[in-house]
Protein backbone atom coordinates (compact mmCIF):
# COMPACT_ATOMS: atom_id res chain seq x y z
CA MET A 1 -7.35 -40.55 -17.83
CA ALA A 2 -8.19 -40.06 -21.51
CA GLY A 3 -5.39 -38.99 -23.82
CA LYS A 4 -1.66 -39.07 -23.31
CA LEU A 5 -0.46 -38.74 -19.73
CA MET A 6 1.75 -35.84 -18.79
CA ASN A 7 5.18 -36.46 -17.36
CA MET A 8 4.62 -37.21 -13.67
CA SER A 9 7.40 -34.86 -12.64
CA LYS A 10 5.41 -32.02 -14.11
CA VAL A 11 2.26 -33.35 -12.46
CA LYS A 12 4.07 -33.20 -9.12
CA GLN A 13 4.91 -29.58 -9.90
CA ILE A 14 1.21 -28.90 -10.42
CA ILE A 15 0.41 -30.62 -7.11
CA ARG A 16 3.11 -28.73 -5.23
CA LEU A 17 2.09 -25.34 -6.59
CA LYS A 18 -1.56 -26.06 -5.78
CA LYS A 19 -0.59 -27.12 -2.24
CA ASN A 20 1.20 -23.77 -1.85
CA GLY A 21 -1.97 -21.91 -2.80
CA VAL A 22 -0.94 -20.82 -6.30
CA GLY A 23 -3.83 -20.05 -8.65
CA LEU A 24 -4.77 -22.02 -11.75
CA ARG A 25 -3.71 -19.32 -14.18
CA THR A 26 -0.29 -18.89 -12.55
CA ILE A 27 0.36 -22.65 -12.50
CA SER A 28 -0.46 -22.84 -16.18
CA ARG A 29 1.82 -19.96 -17.07
CA SER A 30 4.68 -21.13 -14.86
CA LEU A 31 4.77 -24.70 -16.21
CA GLY A 32 3.84 -23.91 -19.82
CA VAL A 33 0.77 -26.14 -19.57
CA SER A 34 -2.72 -25.24 -20.72
CA ARG A 35 -5.18 -24.29 -18.02
CA ASN A 36 -7.58 -27.04 -19.10
CA THR A 37 -4.89 -29.67 -18.59
CA VAL A 38 -4.04 -28.33 -15.14
CA LYS A 39 -7.73 -28.22 -14.31
CA LYS A 40 -8.26 -31.87 -15.39
CA TYR A 41 -5.53 -33.20 -13.12
CA LEU A 42 -6.72 -31.14 -10.15
CA GLN A 43 -10.33 -32.22 -10.68
CA GLN A 44 -9.27 -35.88 -10.74
CA ILE A 45 -7.38 -35.37 -7.49
CA GLU A 46 -10.48 -33.67 -6.04
CA THR A 47 -12.82 -36.41 -7.24
CA GLY A 48 -10.59 -39.14 -5.91
CA GLY A 49 -10.38 -37.53 -2.50
CA TYR A 50 -6.59 -37.65 -2.52
CA LEU A 51 -4.57 -35.47 -0.18
CA LEU A 52 -1.96 -33.33 -1.95
CA LYS A 53 0.63 -34.03 0.72
CA GLU A 54 0.28 -37.80 0.23
CA LEU A 55 0.52 -37.59 -3.56
CA LEU A 56 3.83 -35.79 -3.30
CA THR A 57 5.30 -38.76 -1.38
CA LYS A 58 4.43 -41.24 -4.15
CA ASP A 59 6.96 -42.10 -6.86
CA ASN A 60 6.27 -41.40 -10.53
CA GLU A 61 5.15 -44.96 -11.31
CA GLU A 62 2.51 -44.91 -8.59
CA LEU A 63 1.24 -41.58 -9.75
CA GLU A 64 1.11 -42.75 -13.35
CA GLN A 65 -0.95 -45.78 -12.37
CA LEU A 66 -3.22 -43.60 -10.27
CA PHE A 67 -4.00 -41.14 -13.06
CA SER A 68 -4.23 -43.75 -15.85
CA ASN A 69 -6.64 -46.02 -13.93
CA PRO A 70 -8.97 -43.80 -11.90
CA ASP A 71 -10.64 -45.52 -9.01
CA GLN A 72 -14.29 -46.24 -9.83
CA THR A 73 -15.05 -46.40 -6.14
CA SER A 74 -13.76 -42.84 -5.70
CA GLN A 75 -15.88 -41.69 -8.61
CA ASP A 76 -18.99 -43.25 -7.08
CA ARG A 77 -18.17 -41.68 -3.73
CA TYR A 78 -17.99 -38.21 -5.24
CA GLU A 79 -21.23 -38.66 -7.17
CA ALA A 80 -22.99 -39.71 -3.96
CA LEU A 81 -21.79 -36.52 -2.28
CA GLU A 82 -22.74 -34.37 -5.27
CA LYS A 83 -26.35 -35.62 -5.10
CA ILE A 84 -26.86 -34.17 -1.62
CA PHE A 85 -25.31 -30.74 -2.40
CA PRO A 86 -28.73 -29.11 -3.14
CA TYR A 87 -30.00 -30.36 0.23
CA ILE A 88 -26.86 -29.06 1.97
CA GLU A 89 -27.22 -25.64 0.31
CA LYS A 90 -30.82 -25.37 1.50
CA GLU A 91 -30.05 -26.52 5.05
CA LEU A 92 -27.22 -23.99 5.43
CA LYS A 93 -29.81 -21.20 5.26
CA ARG A 94 -31.53 -22.47 8.41
CA THR A 95 -30.71 -20.97 11.80
CA GLY A 96 -27.85 -22.67 13.60
CA VAL A 97 -26.98 -25.09 10.80
CA ASN A 98 -23.35 -25.08 9.67
CA ARG A 99 -21.08 -27.23 7.50
CA TRP A 100 -19.66 -29.19 10.41
CA ILE A 101 -23.12 -30.41 11.46
CA LEU A 102 -24.02 -31.36 7.89
CA TRP A 103 -20.70 -33.16 7.39
CA ALA A 104 -21.33 -35.19 10.56
CA GLU A 105 -24.75 -36.22 9.23
CA TYR A 106 -23.14 -37.13 5.89
CA LYS A 107 -20.49 -39.32 7.60
CA GLU A 108 -23.16 -41.19 9.58
CA LYS A 109 -24.75 -42.35 6.33
CA HIS A 110 -21.47 -42.75 4.38
CA LEU A 111 -18.79 -44.29 6.59
CA ASP A 112 -16.27 -44.21 3.74
CA GLY A 113 -17.15 -40.60 2.95
CA TYR A 114 -14.78 -37.71 2.50
CA SER A 115 -12.92 -35.94 5.26
CA TYR A 116 -14.28 -32.60 6.49
CA PRO A 117 -11.73 -30.46 4.54
CA HIS A 118 -12.45 -32.33 1.32
CA PHE A 119 -16.19 -32.13 2.00
CA CYS A 120 -15.96 -28.33 2.32
CA SER A 121 -13.70 -28.00 -0.70
CA SER A 122 -16.07 -30.02 -2.90
CA LEU A 123 -19.05 -28.00 -1.67
CA ARG A 124 -17.30 -24.70 -2.46
CA GLN A 125 -16.47 -25.89 -5.94
CA TRP A 126 -20.05 -27.01 -6.58
CA MET A 127 -21.51 -23.75 -5.28
CA GLY A 128 -19.06 -21.83 -7.46
CA THR A 129 -20.41 -23.51 -10.58
CA ARG A 130 -23.94 -22.63 -9.40
CA GLY A 131 -23.00 -18.98 -9.56
CA ALA A 132 -21.93 -19.14 -13.18
CA THR A 133 -23.08 -16.12 -15.16
CA MET A 134 -24.21 -15.69 -18.71
CA HIS A 135 -22.55 -13.25 -21.06
CA PHE A 136 -25.05 -10.90 -22.71
CA GLU A 137 -24.46 -9.58 -26.19
CA HIS A 138 -26.13 -6.18 -26.34
CA THR A 139 -27.66 -5.05 -29.62
CA PRO A 140 -27.69 -1.38 -30.71
CA ALA A 141 -30.47 0.77 -29.19
CA ASP A 142 -31.79 -2.16 -27.17
CA ARG A 143 -31.39 -1.14 -23.52
CA MET A 144 -30.52 1.80 -21.29
CA PHE A 145 -29.47 0.89 -17.74
CA ILE A 146 -30.18 3.34 -14.90
CA ASP A 147 -28.85 3.64 -11.35
CA PHE A 148 -27.77 6.11 -8.66
CA ALA A 149 -24.18 6.21 -7.45
CA GLY A 150 -23.70 5.15 -3.85
CA LYS A 151 -21.52 8.16 -3.03
CA LYS A 152 -22.89 11.72 -3.17
CA LEU A 153 -21.36 14.96 -4.40
CA HIS A 154 -21.77 18.34 -2.71
CA TRP A 155 -22.18 22.04 -3.36
CA VAL A 156 -21.93 24.98 -0.95
CA ASP A 157 -24.46 27.81 -0.68
CA ARG A 158 -22.54 31.01 -1.33
CA LYS A 159 -24.67 33.10 1.06
CA THR A 160 -25.14 30.77 4.01
CA GLY A 161 -22.16 28.43 3.66
CA GLU A 162 -24.49 25.45 3.97
CA VAL A 163 -23.21 22.22 2.39
CA ASN A 164 -25.87 20.57 0.23
CA ASP A 165 -25.78 16.92 -0.81
CA ALA A 166 -26.42 15.95 -4.43
CA GLU A 167 -27.41 12.50 -5.64
CA VAL A 168 -25.58 11.32 -8.77
CA TYR A 169 -27.71 9.77 -11.51
CA VAL A 170 -26.00 7.45 -14.02
CA ALA A 171 -27.41 6.02 -17.28
CA ILE A 172 -25.60 3.91 -19.87
CA LEU A 173 -26.53 2.44 -23.25
CA GLY A 174 -25.90 -1.32 -23.38
CA TYR A 175 -24.26 -1.54 -26.81
CA SER A 176 -21.97 1.48 -27.11
CA GLN A 177 -21.71 2.08 -23.32
CA LEU A 178 -22.18 5.80 -23.95
CA THR A 179 -22.74 7.21 -20.47
CA TYR A 180 -24.78 10.07 -19.01
CA VAL A 181 -24.16 11.46 -15.51
CA GLN A 182 -26.08 14.22 -13.70
CA ALA A 183 -26.23 15.54 -10.15
CA VAL A 184 -29.79 15.95 -8.85
CA PRO A 185 -31.19 17.20 -5.52
CA SER A 186 -32.71 13.86 -4.53
CA GLN A 187 -33.80 10.41 -5.65
CA LYS A 188 -37.44 11.50 -5.57
CA LYS A 189 -39.74 10.79 -8.47
CA ALA A 190 -39.62 14.25 -10.08
CA ASP A 191 -35.80 14.37 -10.04
CA TYR A 192 -35.51 10.75 -11.20
CA ILE A 193 -37.86 11.18 -14.15
CA GLY A 194 -36.32 14.53 -15.05
CA ALA A 195 -32.81 13.04 -15.11
CA THR A 196 -33.98 10.07 -17.20
CA GLU A 197 -35.55 12.47 -19.69
CA ASN A 198 -32.32 14.49 -19.83
CA ALA A 199 -30.41 11.25 -20.51
CA LEU A 200 -32.66 10.42 -23.47
CA HIS A 201 -32.17 13.89 -24.90
CA TYR A 202 -28.41 13.61 -24.31
CA PHE A 203 -28.39 10.39 -26.35
CA GLY A 204 -30.65 12.01 -28.93
CA GLY A 205 -33.08 9.10 -29.09
CA VAL A 206 -34.98 6.41 -27.21
CA PRO A 207 -33.89 2.76 -26.68
CA GLN A 208 -36.35 -0.12 -26.77
CA VAL A 209 -36.12 -0.82 -23.02
CA LEU A 210 -35.27 1.10 -19.85
CA VAL A 211 -33.71 -1.00 -17.07
CA PRO A 212 -34.03 0.85 -13.74
CA ASP A 213 -32.96 -0.30 -10.32
CA ASN A 214 -35.64 -1.24 -7.77
CA LEU A 215 -36.21 2.35 -6.66
CA LYS A 216 -39.57 3.69 -5.43
CA SER A 217 -39.32 6.49 -7.99
CA ALA A 218 -39.58 3.85 -10.74
CA LEU A 219 -41.41 0.95 -9.09
CA TYR A 220 -44.47 0.85 -6.89
CA LYS A 221 -43.61 -2.69 -5.78
CA ALA A 222 -40.59 -4.79 -6.73
CA ASN A 223 -41.11 -8.39 -7.77
CA LYS A 224 -38.74 -11.05 -9.10
CA TYR A 225 -41.05 -11.96 -11.98
CA GLU A 226 -43.40 -9.03 -12.60
CA ALA A 227 -42.74 -5.72 -10.87
CA ASP A 228 -45.45 -3.07 -10.44
CA LEU A 229 -44.33 0.13 -12.12
CA ASN A 230 -44.77 3.52 -10.54
CA THR A 231 -47.72 5.17 -12.34
CA ASP A 232 -45.78 8.29 -13.27
CA PHE A 233 -42.73 6.40 -14.51
CA ALA A 234 -44.97 4.13 -16.61
CA ASP A 235 -46.67 7.23 -18.02
CA PHE A 236 -43.24 8.70 -18.77
CA ALA A 237 -42.20 5.50 -20.60
CA ASN A 238 -45.40 5.55 -22.63
CA HIS A 239 -44.77 9.17 -23.56
CA TYR A 240 -41.36 8.18 -24.95
CA ASN A 241 -42.71 4.98 -26.55
CA THR A 242 -40.40 2.65 -24.64
CA SER A 243 -40.74 -0.28 -22.24
CA VAL A 244 -39.53 -0.73 -18.66
CA LEU A 245 -37.85 -3.95 -17.50
CA PRO A 246 -36.69 -3.45 -13.89
CA ALA A 247 -33.62 -5.29 -12.64
CA ARG A 248 -34.43 -8.09 -10.24
CA SER A 249 -34.02 -7.42 -6.53
CA TYR A 250 -30.59 -8.42 -5.19
CA LYS A 251 -29.41 -9.33 -8.70
CA PRO A 252 -26.70 -6.76 -9.49
CA ARG A 253 -25.63 -8.79 -12.52
CA ASP A 254 -28.87 -7.70 -14.23
CA LYS A 255 -27.39 -4.21 -14.36
CA ALA A 256 -23.68 -4.99 -14.29
CA LEU A 257 -22.98 -2.39 -16.98
CA VAL A 258 -24.33 0.52 -14.98
CA GLU A 259 -22.70 -0.79 -11.79
CA ASN A 260 -19.39 -0.67 -13.64
CA ALA A 261 -20.26 2.78 -15.03
CA VAL A 262 -20.70 4.01 -11.46
CA ARG A 263 -17.25 2.68 -10.51
CA ILE A 264 -15.72 4.37 -13.54
CA ALA A 265 -17.52 7.61 -12.64
CA TYR A 266 -15.76 7.60 -9.26
CA SER A 267 -12.33 7.62 -10.93
CA ARG A 268 -13.07 9.71 -14.03
CA ILE A 269 -15.53 12.26 -12.66
CA TYR A 270 -15.43 12.31 -8.85
CA ALA A 271 -11.63 12.23 -8.58
CA PRO A 272 -10.81 15.04 -11.07
CA ILE A 273 -13.26 17.48 -9.41
CA ARG A 274 -12.65 16.43 -5.80
CA ASN A 275 -10.72 19.61 -4.87
CA GLN A 276 -13.15 22.05 -6.49
CA VAL A 277 -15.84 23.96 -4.57
CA PHE A 278 -19.18 24.48 -6.32
CA HIS A 279 -21.73 27.07 -5.30
CA SER A 280 -24.75 25.69 -7.11
CA LEU A 281 -26.08 22.51 -8.62
CA THR A 282 -25.66 24.12 -12.04
CA GLU A 283 -21.94 24.70 -11.46
CA LEU A 284 -21.54 21.11 -10.26
CA ASN A 285 -23.29 19.70 -13.32
CA ARG A 286 -21.19 21.86 -15.63
CA ALA A 287 -18.03 20.32 -14.17
CA ILE A 288 -19.55 16.82 -14.42
CA SER A 289 -20.42 17.45 -18.06
CA ASP A 290 -16.83 18.42 -18.91
CA GLN A 291 -15.40 15.26 -17.33
CA LEU A 292 -18.16 13.14 -18.87
CA GLU A 293 -17.24 14.24 -22.39
CA THR A 294 -13.62 13.31 -21.74
CA HIS A 295 -14.72 9.88 -20.53
CA ASN A 296 -17.07 9.21 -23.48
CA ASN A 297 -14.41 10.27 -25.99
CA GLN A 298 -11.67 8.14 -24.41
CA SER A 299 -10.90 4.90 -26.25
CA PHE A 300 -11.75 1.54 -24.71
CA GLN A 301 -8.78 -0.36 -23.29
CA LYS A 302 -9.19 -3.26 -25.72
CA GLU A 303 -10.72 -1.42 -28.69
CA ASP A 304 -9.54 1.26 -31.07
CA GLN A 305 -12.66 3.40 -30.68
CA SER A 306 -14.38 5.35 -27.93
CA ARG A 307 -17.87 5.07 -26.52
CA ARG A 308 -18.85 8.17 -28.47
CA GLY A 309 -17.35 6.78 -31.69
CA LYS A 310 -19.12 3.45 -31.30
CA PHE A 311 -22.38 5.25 -30.58
CA GLU A 312 -22.14 7.59 -33.56
CA THR A 313 -21.25 4.86 -36.06
CA THR A 314 -23.73 2.17 -35.04
CA GLU A 315 -26.17 2.93 -32.24
CA LYS A 316 -27.33 6.49 -32.84
CA GLU A 317 -29.29 5.76 -35.99
CA ALA A 318 -30.96 2.73 -34.38
CA LEU A 319 -32.53 4.75 -31.55
CA GLN A 320 -36.20 5.68 -31.78
CA PRO A 321 -36.88 9.39 -32.36
CA LEU A 322 -37.67 11.65 -29.44
CA PRO A 323 -41.28 12.89 -29.15
CA GLN A 324 -41.98 16.49 -30.10
CA ASP A 325 -42.84 17.60 -26.57
CA ARG A 326 -41.02 16.90 -23.34
CA TYR A 327 -42.83 14.95 -20.66
CA GLU A 328 -44.70 16.77 -17.93
CA MET A 329 -45.47 15.04 -14.66
CA LYS A 330 -49.18 14.89 -14.00
CA SER A 331 -51.21 15.20 -10.83
CA PHE A 332 -54.83 14.28 -10.43
CA LYS A 333 -57.71 14.80 -8.05
CA PHE A 334 -61.45 14.21 -7.93
CA VAL A 335 -63.58 17.35 -7.59
CA GLN A 336 -67.29 18.12 -7.69
CA VAL A 337 -68.74 20.40 -10.36
CA MET A 338 -70.23 23.45 -8.65
CA LYS A 339 -73.67 24.92 -9.43
CA ASN A 340 -72.04 27.69 -11.43
CA CYS A 341 -70.68 25.01 -13.84
CA HIS A 342 -67.08 25.38 -12.67
CA ILE A 343 -64.48 23.30 -10.82
CA HIS A 344 -61.72 24.65 -8.59
CA LEU A 345 -57.98 23.92 -8.93
CA ALA A 346 -56.89 24.62 -5.36
CA GLU A 347 -53.15 24.93 -6.11
CA ASP A 348 -53.78 27.98 -8.32
CA LYS A 349 -57.10 29.11 -6.80
CA HIS A 350 -58.41 29.17 -10.35
CA TYR A 351 -61.75 28.04 -11.78
CA TYR A 352 -62.48 26.16 -15.02
CA SER A 353 -65.90 25.67 -16.63
CA ILE A 354 -67.47 22.24 -17.18
CA PRO A 355 -70.54 21.44 -19.36
CA TYR A 356 -73.61 22.23 -17.23
CA ARG A 357 -75.03 18.69 -17.53
CA PHE A 358 -72.26 17.55 -15.12
CA ILE A 359 -73.34 19.87 -12.29
CA GLY A 360 -73.10 17.98 -8.99
CA ARG A 361 -71.07 15.14 -10.50
CA LYS A 362 -67.57 14.16 -9.38
CA VAL A 363 -65.04 14.48 -12.18
CA LYS A 364 -61.35 13.61 -12.41
CA MET A 365 -59.00 16.56 -12.96
CA VAL A 366 -55.61 15.64 -14.47
CA TYR A 367 -53.17 18.54 -14.64
CA SER A 368 -49.55 19.20 -15.48
CA ALA A 369 -47.46 22.36 -15.53
CA SER A 370 -49.11 23.56 -18.74
CA GLN A 371 -52.39 21.68 -19.20
CA VAL A 372 -55.60 20.79 -17.41
CA SER A 373 -57.81 17.92 -18.56
CA VAL A 374 -61.13 16.88 -17.00
CA PHE A 375 -62.57 13.36 -17.30
CA TYR A 376 -65.88 11.76 -16.44
CA ASN A 377 -66.16 7.97 -16.68
CA LYS A 378 -62.79 7.93 -18.50
CA GLU A 379 -64.08 10.33 -21.18
CA ARG A 380 -62.45 13.74 -21.47
CA ILE A 381 -65.09 16.44 -21.17
CA ALA A 382 -62.88 19.56 -20.99
CA PHE A 383 -59.31 20.60 -21.82
CA TYR A 384 -57.52 23.86 -20.97
CA LYS A 385 -54.16 25.53 -21.03
CA ARG A 386 -53.33 25.90 -17.35
CA GLU A 387 -53.87 29.39 -15.94
CA THR A 388 -52.36 30.64 -12.68
CA LYS A 389 -54.31 33.89 -12.13
CA ARG A 390 -55.73 33.65 -8.63
CA PHE A 391 -59.51 33.79 -8.11
CA ALA A 392 -60.10 34.09 -11.85
CA TYR A 393 -62.43 32.08 -14.10
CA THR A 394 -61.64 30.38 -17.39
CA THR A 395 -65.00 29.83 -19.06
CA ILE A 396 -66.21 28.33 -22.33
CA LYS A 397 -69.64 29.84 -23.09
CA ASP A 398 -71.02 26.60 -24.55
CA HIS A 399 -70.54 24.96 -21.15
CA LEU A 400 -73.18 27.23 -19.58
CA PRO A 401 -77.00 27.07 -19.86
CA SER A 402 -78.55 29.93 -21.86
CA ALA A 403 -79.45 32.03 -18.80
CA HIS A 404 -75.93 31.65 -17.41
CA ARG A 405 -74.39 32.61 -20.74
CA PHE A 406 -76.22 35.95 -20.62
CA VAL A 407 -74.82 36.63 -17.15
CA ALA A 408 -71.36 35.48 -18.16
CA GLU A 409 -71.29 38.13 -20.89
CA TRP A 410 -71.91 41.03 -18.45
CA ASN A 411 -69.35 43.81 -18.74
CA PRO A 412 -69.40 47.65 -18.84
CA ASP A 413 -69.15 47.82 -22.63
CA LYS A 414 -72.18 45.57 -23.03
CA PHE A 415 -74.38 47.83 -20.87
CA LEU A 416 -73.14 51.09 -22.40
CA SER A 417 -73.81 49.72 -25.88
CA TRP A 418 -77.29 48.57 -24.82
CA ALA A 419 -78.08 51.98 -23.29
CA ALA A 420 -76.78 53.89 -26.33
CA GLY A 421 -79.22 51.92 -28.47
CA ILE A 422 -82.06 53.47 -26.47
CA ASP A 423 -80.90 57.08 -26.16
CA PRO A 424 -77.67 59.04 -25.46
CA LYS A 425 -79.23 60.30 -22.20
CA VAL A 426 -79.75 56.72 -21.07
CA LYS A 427 -76.11 55.92 -21.92
CA ASP A 428 -74.91 58.89 -19.82
CA TYR A 429 -77.08 57.77 -16.89
CA ILE A 430 -75.80 54.16 -17.07
CA SER A 431 -72.19 55.36 -17.27
CA MET A 432 -72.75 57.31 -14.03
CA ILE A 433 -74.05 54.16 -12.33
CA LEU A 434 -70.96 52.23 -13.44
CA TYR A 435 -68.66 55.07 -12.44
CA ASN A 436 -70.09 55.45 -8.91
CA LYS A 437 -69.52 51.80 -7.95
CA THR A 438 -66.14 50.63 -6.58
CA TYR A 439 -66.39 47.48 -8.70
CA PRO A 440 -68.38 47.61 -11.96
CA GLU A 441 -69.79 44.16 -11.19
CA GLN A 442 -71.77 45.70 -8.32
CA ALA A 443 -73.71 47.88 -10.81
CA TYR A 444 -74.52 45.17 -13.37
CA ARG A 445 -77.83 44.16 -11.79
CA SER A 446 -78.91 47.81 -11.52
CA CYS A 447 -78.10 48.31 -15.20
CA VAL A 448 -80.07 45.20 -16.21
CA GLY A 449 -83.08 46.35 -14.12
CA ILE A 450 -83.11 49.86 -15.62
CA LEU A 451 -82.56 48.89 -19.23
CA SER A 452 -85.16 46.11 -19.02
CA GLN A 453 -87.83 48.76 -18.24
CA GLU A 454 -87.88 49.69 -21.92
CA LYS A 455 -89.86 46.53 -22.74
CA LYS A 456 -92.30 47.23 -19.87
CA VAL A 457 -93.03 50.97 -20.16
CA GLY A 458 -91.57 51.95 -23.53
CA LYS A 459 -88.64 54.08 -24.59
CA LYS A 460 -90.36 57.48 -24.04
CA ARG A 461 -91.30 56.86 -20.41
CA LEU A 462 -87.91 55.33 -19.60
CA ILE A 463 -86.09 58.37 -20.98
CA ALA A 464 -88.38 60.72 -19.04
CA ALA A 465 -87.84 58.76 -15.82
CA ILE A 466 -84.07 58.83 -16.29
CA GLU A 467 -84.16 62.62 -16.92
CA ARG A 468 -86.08 63.14 -13.67
CA ALA A 469 -83.73 60.82 -11.70
CA ASP A 470 -80.74 62.64 -13.18
CA SER A 471 -82.20 65.97 -12.03
CA TYR A 472 -82.34 64.53 -8.49
CA GLY A 473 -78.68 63.46 -8.77
CA ALA A 474 -79.73 59.88 -7.92
CA TYR A 475 -78.16 57.05 -9.91
CA ASN A 476 -79.63 53.64 -9.10
CA TYR A 477 -82.34 51.24 -10.12
CA LYS A 478 -84.66 51.96 -7.17
CA ILE A 479 -85.14 55.65 -7.95
CA VAL A 480 -85.98 54.95 -11.61
CA ASP A 481 -88.40 52.19 -10.59
CA ARG A 482 -90.10 54.49 -8.03
CA ILE A 483 -90.52 57.27 -10.61
CA LEU A 484 -92.11 54.89 -13.11
CA LYS A 485 -94.41 53.22 -10.57
CA GLY A 486 -95.54 56.63 -9.22
CA GLY A 487 -96.09 58.05 -12.69
CA LEU A 488 -93.77 60.95 -11.90
CA ASP A 489 -92.26 60.68 -15.38
CA LYS A 490 -95.64 61.92 -16.78
CA LEU A 491 -95.69 65.14 -14.70
CA ALA A 492 -94.41 68.39 -16.17
CA GLU A 493 -91.11 69.53 -14.83
CA GLU A 494 -91.70 72.13 -12.04
CA ASP A 495 -89.97 75.52 -12.22
CA PRO A 496 -87.37 75.96 -9.59
CA GLN A 497 -88.49 78.19 -6.66
CA THR A 498 -86.54 81.50 -6.56
CA GLU A 499 -88.28 83.40 -3.64
CA LEU A 500 -89.51 82.25 -0.25
CA PRO A 501 -93.29 82.73 0.32
CA PHE A 502 -94.37 85.27 3.05
CA HIS A 503 -95.44 83.77 6.39
CA GLU A 504 -96.01 85.38 9.77
CA ASN A 505 -93.86 82.75 11.52
CA ILE A 506 -90.87 83.56 9.39
CA ARG A 507 -88.65 86.07 11.13
CA GLY A 508 -86.68 88.58 9.17
CA ALA A 509 -83.07 89.62 9.42
CA ASP A 510 -83.92 92.20 12.06
CA SER A 511 -84.67 89.45 14.55
CA TYR A 512 -80.98 88.41 14.56
CA ARG A 513 -79.47 91.88 15.08
């Protein structure tokens, strides 16, 4: 063994403590020996295949010779075993294969091989080194880790007494470890994205990367090397100008920080509010917020500053700025442009106009809570503020052909103004037509038909025809058209009859006495 040998009495103490199951750290502390020194002697014992019980029976001189002149044969034997460890690890995953079977196969090929206990011990040690982890140094504003707590919180409906479960969302910044916690109704996409957005606004900025767990709300399909992001979550990340790097499946060490944050949340948030009863999700989140502030302002165990202090001094200014508008989840559907140059948003039962050249084409409607965009071949052809008035039309006049634009402008004021330009009597007659219809729209065609007669017969004849129709108390297009076609507007107005003419078949009052 390289270097100066330790007193063999102390080596025996190491052997004895190890035989009694004492850990490496405790042995080191108890004997006043560095852990590396203890580890070197134990590794040499392991490599040599020596039994601890046998070493304790040897005198100091034998032990000294053993440790000063390591057996080359023992070293070769261990190296031979170490070479087949990858094969053993792979075989252990197969059905029915266990360590005893693999040790028997090993002994058939190596008659001087290790005993079964030493074989298992060496394998455990080798597999332990395979699980070594790397320590990550997080830089300010680099990553935000996201996860849901395994345990739920609850609130009680005040009216019905129903107990409602609440999922607990947790996000943590890698550098400062500033934490955000929120109770949400579910792990569904809308709640997940909403909570993530609230976390970014709580932090007051955007990190370079979001690291979510392999949840359907964030990923369409998980993959060890290149996961497929959920379309909405990718759109959300683009809105906030950040990237998404999902944690690998079954690799909790990829998000060890947030896993630890969840454990801390159990003791610093769940426990303090465990005896409280909340009657709404808002009440529950208010209590969470109070405990969260206490947690973020509490100093680290091994540092003189808190998560909040570390964030404010270093990480806050490194975050990217938040966008001006909050993100709105988008829905989309393909619809066909109707012959009236409009498309229908079924959720609102509302209609939006589309340029008439797209009549009969299928267009893509992308809509959020406040906006509606329409695309054709990836080009936006219309954009609207979303309206929710049922069975109403939102129309841009330039979208309609010229004939449709004229119809689109129909309204009572238009017809009254048109009629007044001909004569006040015509205006009065048109107003009666509009008044007598339950819905003014029903009278629009009548108004167009009557007022259009001016170009056909002239103003004088139209006025005369309207005067005669008004004297009949008839207010519609057909009566005016009949008067003009029959030339009745040219006849002089007859005097009203005041007396009945005499006739022999007319009986007088005396006949009814």
